[in-house]
Amino acid sequence: MSMDLSGAKWFKASYSQSGGDCVEAAHLDDGSVAIRDSKNPTGPALVYTPREWDAFLAGVRDGEFDRP
């Protein structure tokens, strides 16, 4: 499925460095969240439903993705 993201308002985390090696996110009107590579703004983006994004954030907060 392809989604028109031309009107998305992309942002980087406040911790991002100016080197450009980071991801950008956009909160979409339907509650979804889009993620893309800041070095390739015209490239593909991953789009997560609100439920998927909430599950990801919960995993981050719980340390699910921490390195062993």
N, C-alpha and C. Protein backbone atom coordinates (compact mmCIF):
# COMPACT_ATOMS: atom_id res chain seq x y z
N MET A 1 0.84 -1.18 0.00
CA MET A 1 0.00 0.00 0.00
C MET A 1 0.89 1.24 0.00
N SER A 2 0.56 2.18 -0.83
CA SER A 2 1.31 3.43 -0.93
C SER A 2 0.49 4.56 -0.31
N MET A 3 1.18 5.43 0.40
CA MET A 3 0.50 6.52 1.08
C MET A 3 1.15 7.83 0.66
N ASP A 4 0.33 8.85 0.41
CA ASP A 4 0.84 10.16 0.03
C ASP A 4 1.34 10.88 1.29
N LEU A 5 2.65 11.07 1.38
CA LEU A 5 3.25 11.73 2.55
C LEU A 5 3.78 13.12 2.19
N SER A 6 3.36 13.65 1.04
CA SER A 6 3.88 14.94 0.58
C SER A 6 3.53 16.09 1.52
N GLY A 7 2.45 15.99 2.26
CA GLY A 7 2.06 17.04 3.19
C GLY A 7 2.49 16.81 4.63
N ALA A 8 3.23 15.72 4.85
CA ALA A 8 3.66 15.38 6.22
C ALA A 8 4.65 16.42 6.74
N LYS A 9 4.57 16.70 8.02
CA LYS A 9 5.50 17.63 8.68
C LYS A 9 6.52 16.79 9.44
N TRP A 10 7.68 16.63 8.84
CA TRP A 10 8.73 15.77 9.39
C TRP A 10 9.53 16.51 10.44
N PHE A 11 9.99 15.76 11.44
CA PHE A 11 10.83 16.35 12.49
C PHE A 11 11.87 15.34 12.93
N LYS A 12 12.96 15.86 13.47
CA LYS A 12 14.02 15.02 14.04
C LYS A 12 14.00 15.19 15.55
N ALA A 13 14.54 14.23 16.25
CA ALA A 13 14.65 14.32 17.70
C ALA A 13 15.54 15.50 18.07
N SER A 14 15.27 16.10 19.20
CA SER A 14 16.09 17.22 19.65
C SER A 14 17.52 16.80 19.96
N TYR A 15 17.76 15.50 20.12
CA TYR A 15 19.10 14.99 20.39
C TYR A 15 19.89 14.73 19.11
N SER A 16 19.27 14.92 17.95
CA SER A 16 19.94 14.64 16.68
C SER A 16 21.10 15.60 16.47
N GLN A 17 22.15 15.08 15.88
CA GLN A 17 23.31 15.88 15.52
C GLN A 17 23.07 16.47 14.13
N SER A 18 23.84 17.46 13.76
CA SER A 18 23.67 18.11 12.46
C SER A 18 24.29 17.31 11.32
N GLY A 19 24.89 16.15 11.60
CA GLY A 19 25.53 15.34 10.58
C GLY A 19 24.57 14.69 9.60
N GLY A 20 23.30 14.60 9.95
CA GLY A 20 22.30 14.05 9.05
C GLY A 20 22.08 12.56 9.16
N ASP A 21 22.78 11.87 10.05
CA ASP A 21 22.60 10.43 10.20
C ASP A 21 21.55 10.14 11.26
N CYS A 22 20.31 10.35 10.93
CA CYS A 22 19.25 10.12 11.90
C CYS A 22 17.95 9.79 11.16
N VAL A 23 16.94 9.55 11.92
CA VAL A 23 15.62 9.30 11.34
C VAL A 23 14.74 10.52 11.58
N GLU A 24 13.73 10.65 10.75
CA GLU A 24 12.74 11.69 10.91
C GLU A 24 11.39 11.02 11.09
N ALA A 25 10.52 11.67 11.83
CA ALA A 25 9.18 11.14 12.07
C ALA A 25 8.15 12.18 11.68
N ALA A 26 6.95 11.72 11.40
CA ALA A 26 5.83 12.62 11.11
C ALA A 26 4.57 12.00 11.71
N HIS A 27 3.82 12.80 12.44
CA HIS A 27 2.53 12.37 12.96
C HIS A 27 1.49 12.68 11.88
N LEU A 28 0.78 11.66 11.43
CA LEU A 28 -0.18 11.81 10.35
C LEU A 28 -1.58 12.07 10.87
N ASP A 29 -2.42 12.62 10.01
CA ASP A 29 -3.77 13.02 10.42
C ASP A 29 -4.61 11.88 10.98
N ASP A 30 -4.37 10.65 10.51
CA ASP A 30 -5.18 9.52 11.00
C ASP A 30 -4.62 8.90 12.28
N GLY A 31 -3.57 9.52 12.85
CA GLY A 31 -2.98 9.01 14.08
C GLY A 31 -1.78 8.11 13.84
N SER A 32 -1.52 7.76 12.59
CA SER A 32 -0.36 6.95 12.26
C SER A 32 0.92 7.76 12.41
N VAL A 33 2.05 7.06 12.43
CA VAL A 33 3.35 7.70 12.52
C VAL A 33 4.21 7.18 11.37
N ALA A 34 4.82 8.09 10.63
CA ALA A 34 5.70 7.72 9.53
C ALA A 34 7.14 7.96 9.97
N ILE A 35 8.03 7.08 9.54
CA ILE A 35 9.45 7.17 9.87
C ILE A 35 10.23 7.05 8.56
N ARG A 36 11.27 7.91 8.41
CA ARG A 36 12.11 7.83 7.22
C ARG A 36 13.56 8.17 7.57
N ASP A 37 14.46 7.85 6.65
CA ASP A 37 15.87 8.15 6.77
C ASP A 37 16.09 9.60 6.38
N SER A 38 16.67 10.39 7.25
CA SER A 38 16.87 11.81 6.96
C SER A 38 17.81 12.04 5.79
N LYS A 39 18.68 11.08 5.48
CA LYS A 39 19.60 11.22 4.35
C LYS A 39 18.91 10.97 3.02
N ASN A 40 17.72 10.39 3.05
CA ASN A 40 17.00 10.04 1.84
C ASN A 40 15.53 10.46 1.96
N PRO A 41 15.27 11.77 2.02
CA PRO A 41 13.90 12.23 2.27
C PRO A 41 12.90 11.89 1.18
N THR A 42 13.35 11.58 -0.02
CA THR A 42 12.42 11.19 -1.08
C THR A 42 12.30 9.67 -1.19
N GLY A 43 13.02 8.96 -0.34
CA GLY A 43 12.98 7.50 -0.35
C GLY A 43 11.78 6.97 0.40
N PRO A 44 11.77 5.68 0.66
CA PRO A 44 10.63 5.05 1.32
C PRO A 44 10.51 5.46 2.78
N ALA A 45 9.30 5.33 3.28
CA ALA A 45 9.02 5.59 4.70
C ALA A 45 8.24 4.41 5.24
N LEU A 46 8.44 4.13 6.51
CA LEU A 46 7.66 3.12 7.21
C LEU A 46 6.51 3.84 7.89
N VAL A 47 5.31 3.31 7.79
CA VAL A 47 4.13 3.92 8.41
C VAL A 47 3.54 2.93 9.40
N TYR A 48 3.40 3.38 10.64
CA TYR A 48 2.89 2.54 11.71
C TYR A 48 1.51 3.03 12.16
N THR A 49 0.63 2.09 12.41
CA THR A 49 -0.68 2.45 12.96
C THR A 49 -0.48 2.98 14.38
N PRO A 50 -1.46 3.68 14.93
CA PRO A 50 -1.33 4.14 16.31
C PRO A 50 -1.06 2.98 17.29
N ARG A 51 -1.71 1.86 17.09
CA ARG A 51 -1.51 0.71 17.98
C ARG A 51 -0.09 0.16 17.87
N GLU A 52 0.42 0.05 16.65
CA GLU A 52 1.79 -0.42 16.45
C GLU A 52 2.80 0.54 17.08
N TRP A 53 2.58 1.83 16.90
CA TRP A 53 3.50 2.84 17.45
C TRP A 53 3.47 2.80 18.97
N ASP A 54 2.29 2.69 19.55
CA ASP A 54 2.18 2.60 21.01
C ASP A 54 2.90 1.37 21.55
N ALA A 55 2.79 0.24 20.84
CA ALA A 55 3.47 -0.98 21.26
C ALA A 55 4.98 -0.80 21.18
N PHE A 56 5.46 -0.14 20.12
CA PHE A 56 6.89 0.12 20.00
C PHE A 56 7.38 1.01 21.14
N LEU A 57 6.68 2.10 21.42
CA LEU A 57 7.09 2.99 22.50
C LEU A 57 7.07 2.28 23.85
N ALA A 58 6.09 1.43 24.08
CA ALA A 58 6.04 0.68 25.34
C ALA A 58 7.25 -0.23 25.45
N GLY A 59 7.65 -0.87 24.33
CA GLY A 59 8.83 -1.72 24.34
C GLY A 59 10.10 -0.94 24.63
N VAL A 60 10.21 0.26 24.07
CA VAL A 60 11.37 1.11 24.35
C VAL A 60 11.42 1.47 25.83
N ARG A 61 10.28 1.87 26.36
CA ARG A 61 10.23 2.27 27.78
C ARG A 61 10.53 1.11 28.72
N ASP A 62 10.15 -0.09 28.31
CA ASP A 62 10.36 -1.29 29.15
C ASP A 62 11.75 -1.89 28.97
N GLY A 63 12.56 -1.32 28.08
CA GLY A 63 13.90 -1.84 27.86
C GLY A 63 13.96 -3.05 26.95
N GLU A 64 12.89 -3.31 26.23
CA GLU A 64 12.81 -4.49 25.37
C GLU A 64 13.91 -4.50 24.29
N PHE A 65 14.36 -3.34 23.87
CA PHE A 65 15.33 -3.25 22.79
C PHE A 65 16.73 -2.91 23.27
N ASP A 66 16.94 -2.91 24.57
CA ASP A 66 18.27 -2.63 25.11
C ASP A 66 19.24 -3.73 24.71
N ARG A 67 20.46 -3.35 24.52
CA ARG A 67 21.49 -4.36 24.23
C ARG A 67 21.78 -5.18 25.49
N PRO A 68 22.08 -6.47 25.27
CA PRO A 68 22.38 -7.32 26.44
C PRO A 68 23.68 -6.93 27.11
